[in-house]
Each structure stands twice: as C-alpha cells, then as structure tokens.
Amino acid sequence: MPKMKSRRNARFRFKVTANGKILRHQSNCNHILTKKSSKRKRFLRKSVLADAADVPRIRRMLLA
C-alpha cells in the first residue's frame, strides 16, 4: 500500500470563512509586475471565493 500524500500546504493556500465558504488567493501577482497597472495589482491582492467545482476537492485536501 503506498503512503498517503499529505496536503499540508492546503492550510496556507486556502482559508475557510465563518459561513464555510473557501477563499483563495489570485494568480498573476508574483512576478512581471512592471507591465501591470497599479489598479490591477491592487485588485489581485484581494482574496476571492474558490470556484464551486473545486470546493469538494479543496475540502478533502483540508481534511487530509
């Protein structure tokens, strides 16, 4: 039987709100920032809700 893979990093990537919704960080805000406008970078800093199709998989990752 193979070892179970840990999903330890899911704790840092996702946050569960008080209502049980899952927040995630937005992409495209790590590098090549010179060509992006200040407004775009500012909005990319905010967290957004995870897509409904991904929520069951994320919940399993957080429980493991």
N, C-alpha and C. Protein backbone atom coordinates (compact mmCIF):
# COMPACT_ATOMS: atom_id res chain seq x y z
N MET A 1 0.85 -1.18 0.00
CA MET A 1 0.00 0.00 0.00
C MET A 1 0.89 1.25 0.00
N PRO A 2 0.68 2.18 -0.93
CA PRO A 2 1.53 3.37 -0.96
C PRO A 2 1.22 4.31 0.20
N LYS A 3 2.20 5.14 0.52
CA LYS A 3 2.00 6.11 1.58
C LYS A 3 0.95 7.15 1.16
N MET A 4 0.22 7.67 2.13
CA MET A 4 -0.74 8.73 1.86
C MET A 4 0.02 10.04 1.66
N LYS A 5 -0.33 10.76 0.63
CA LYS A 5 0.30 12.06 0.40
C LYS A 5 -0.35 13.09 1.33
N SER A 6 0.46 13.91 1.95
CA SER A 6 -0.10 14.93 2.84
C SER A 6 -0.48 16.15 2.02
N ARG A 7 -1.49 16.85 2.46
CA ARG A 7 -1.96 18.07 1.81
C ARG A 7 -1.73 19.25 2.77
N ARG A 8 -0.55 19.25 3.38
CA ARG A 8 -0.25 20.23 4.41
C ARG A 8 -0.31 21.67 3.88
N ASN A 9 0.10 21.88 2.65
CA ASN A 9 0.16 23.24 2.11
C ASN A 9 -1.23 23.80 1.84
N ALA A 10 -2.25 22.97 1.80
CA ALA A 10 -3.61 23.47 1.57
C ALA A 10 -4.04 24.40 2.70
N ARG A 11 -3.50 24.21 3.88
CA ARG A 11 -3.83 25.09 5.00
C ARG A 11 -3.39 26.52 4.73
N PHE A 12 -2.28 26.67 4.02
CA PHE A 12 -1.76 28.01 3.76
C PHE A 12 -2.36 28.61 2.49
N ARG A 13 -2.79 27.78 1.56
CA ARG A 13 -3.31 28.27 0.29
C ARG A 13 -4.77 28.70 0.38
N PHE A 14 -5.53 28.06 1.27
CA PHE A 14 -6.96 28.32 1.34
C PHE A 14 -7.36 28.70 2.75
N LYS A 15 -8.46 29.48 2.84
CA LYS A 15 -8.99 29.89 4.13
C LYS A 15 -10.48 29.63 4.11
N VAL A 16 -11.01 29.07 5.19
CA VAL A 16 -12.43 28.80 5.29
C VAL A 16 -13.07 29.93 6.09
N THR A 17 -14.13 30.53 5.53
CA THR A 17 -14.81 31.63 6.20
C THR A 17 -15.73 31.07 7.28
N ALA A 18 -16.35 31.97 8.05
CA ALA A 18 -17.26 31.55 9.11
C ALA A 18 -18.49 30.85 8.55
N ASN A 19 -18.87 31.19 7.33
CA ASN A 19 -20.03 30.55 6.71
C ASN A 19 -19.67 29.27 5.96
N GLY A 20 -18.40 28.88 5.98
CA GLY A 20 -17.98 27.65 5.34
C GLY A 20 -17.54 27.81 3.90
N LYS A 21 -17.50 29.04 3.39
CA LYS A 21 -17.01 29.26 2.03
C LYS A 21 -15.49 29.23 2.05
N ILE A 22 -14.89 28.98 0.88
CA ILE A 22 -13.44 28.84 0.80
C ILE A 22 -12.87 29.99 -0.02
N LEU A 23 -11.90 30.67 0.57
CA LEU A 23 -11.21 31.77 -0.09
C LEU A 23 -9.88 31.29 -0.64
N ARG A 24 -9.48 31.86 -1.77
CA ARG A 24 -8.19 31.54 -2.36
C ARG A 24 -7.54 32.84 -2.81
N HIS A 25 -6.22 32.80 -3.00
CA HIS A 25 -5.50 33.96 -3.50
C HIS A 25 -5.59 33.98 -5.03
N GLN A 26 -5.46 35.16 -5.60
CA GLN A 26 -5.50 35.29 -7.05
C GLN A 26 -4.10 35.09 -7.63
N SER A 27 -4.08 34.65 -8.86
CA SER A 27 -2.80 34.44 -9.53
C SER A 27 -2.36 35.72 -10.24
N ASN A 28 -1.21 35.68 -10.87
CA ASN A 28 -0.65 36.78 -11.67
C ASN A 28 -0.18 37.97 -10.85
N CYS A 29 0.19 37.75 -9.60
CA CYS A 29 0.68 38.87 -8.80
C CYS A 29 2.04 38.55 -8.17
N ASN A 30 2.81 37.65 -8.79
CA ASN A 30 4.10 37.26 -8.21
C ASN A 30 5.29 37.86 -8.94
N HIS A 31 5.26 37.89 -10.26
CA HIS A 31 6.40 38.43 -10.99
C HIS A 31 5.89 39.06 -12.29
N ILE A 32 6.79 39.70 -13.01
CA ILE A 32 6.45 40.50 -14.20
C ILE A 32 5.38 41.53 -13.83
N LEU A 33 5.67 42.30 -12.78
CA LEU A 33 4.69 43.26 -12.28
C LEU A 33 4.85 44.63 -12.92
N THR A 34 5.92 44.85 -13.67
CA THR A 34 6.17 46.19 -14.20
C THR A 34 5.15 46.58 -15.26
N LYS A 35 4.69 45.62 -16.03
CA LYS A 35 3.74 45.96 -17.09
C LYS A 35 2.29 45.99 -16.63
N LYS A 36 2.04 45.61 -15.38
CA LYS A 36 0.67 45.61 -14.85
C LYS A 36 0.40 46.92 -14.16
N SER A 37 -0.80 47.42 -14.31
CA SER A 37 -1.15 48.71 -13.73
C SER A 37 -1.29 48.58 -12.21
N SER A 38 -1.19 49.71 -11.52
CA SER A 38 -1.34 49.72 -10.06
C SER A 38 -2.71 49.24 -9.66
N LYS A 39 -3.72 49.63 -10.42
CA LYS A 39 -5.09 49.21 -10.11
C LYS A 39 -5.23 47.70 -10.22
N ARG A 40 -4.64 47.13 -11.26
CA ARG A 40 -4.71 45.68 -11.46
C ARG A 40 -4.00 44.93 -10.34
N LYS A 41 -2.81 45.42 -9.95
CA LYS A 41 -2.06 44.77 -8.88
C LYS A 41 -2.79 44.89 -7.55
N ARG A 42 -3.43 46.02 -7.32
CA ARG A 42 -4.17 46.23 -6.08
C ARG A 42 -5.34 45.24 -5.96
N PHE A 43 -6.07 45.03 -7.05
CA PHE A 43 -7.19 44.11 -7.02
C PHE A 43 -6.73 42.65 -6.95
N LEU A 44 -5.54 42.36 -7.47
CA LEU A 44 -5.03 41.00 -7.39
C LEU A 44 -4.59 40.62 -5.98
N ARG A 45 -4.39 41.60 -5.11
CA ARG A 45 -4.00 41.31 -3.73
C ARG A 45 -5.15 40.71 -2.92
N LYS A 46 -6.38 40.98 -3.33
CA LYS A 46 -7.53 40.55 -2.55
C LYS A 46 -7.82 39.07 -2.80
N SER A 47 -8.37 38.41 -1.80
CA SER A 47 -8.78 37.02 -1.93
C SER A 47 -10.14 36.95 -2.58
N VAL A 48 -10.39 35.85 -3.26
CA VAL A 48 -11.68 35.63 -3.90
C VAL A 48 -12.20 34.25 -3.51
N LEU A 49 -13.48 34.03 -3.74
CA LEU A 49 -14.07 32.73 -3.44
C LEU A 49 -13.60 31.69 -4.43
N ALA A 50 -13.36 30.50 -3.96
CA ALA A 50 -12.97 29.39 -4.84
C ALA A 50 -14.17 28.99 -5.68
N ASP A 51 -13.90 28.50 -6.88
CA ASP A 51 -14.96 28.07 -7.78
C ASP A 51 -15.71 26.89 -7.17
N ALA A 52 -17.03 26.84 -7.41
CA ALA A 52 -17.87 25.80 -6.82
C ALA A 52 -17.45 24.41 -7.25
N ALA A 53 -16.90 24.27 -8.46
CA ALA A 53 -16.47 22.96 -8.93
C ALA A 53 -15.25 22.47 -8.17
N ASP A 54 -14.44 23.37 -7.62
CA ASP A 54 -13.23 22.98 -6.92
C ASP A 54 -13.43 22.79 -5.42
N VAL A 55 -14.55 23.26 -4.88
CA VAL A 55 -14.75 23.25 -3.44
C VAL A 55 -14.69 21.84 -2.84
N PRO A 56 -15.35 20.81 -3.41
CA PRO A 56 -15.25 19.49 -2.79
C PRO A 56 -13.82 18.95 -2.72
N ARG A 57 -13.03 19.19 -3.75
CA ARG A 57 -11.64 18.73 -3.76
C ARG A 57 -10.81 19.48 -2.72
N ILE A 58 -11.06 20.78 -2.58
CA ILE A 58 -10.32 21.58 -1.60
C ILE A 58 -10.68 21.12 -0.18
N ARG A 59 -11.96 20.83 0.05
CA ARG A 59 -12.38 20.37 1.38
C ARG A 59 -11.68 19.05 1.74
N ARG A 60 -11.58 18.15 0.77
CA ARG A 60 -10.88 16.88 1.02
C ARG A 60 -9.41 17.13 1.33
N MET A 61 -8.81 18.09 0.62
CA MET A 61 -7.40 18.40 0.86
C MET A 61 -7.20 18.99 2.25
N LEU A 62 -8.16 19.79 2.72
CA LEU A 62 -8.02 20.40 4.04
C LEU A 62 -8.24 19.39 5.16
N LEU A 63 -9.03 18.37 4.91
CA LEU A 63 -9.29 17.37 5.94
C LEU A 63 -8.18 16.35 6.05
N ALA A 64 -7.45 16.12 4.95
CA ALA A 64 -6.43 15.07 4.96
C ALA A 64 -5.23 15.48 5.78
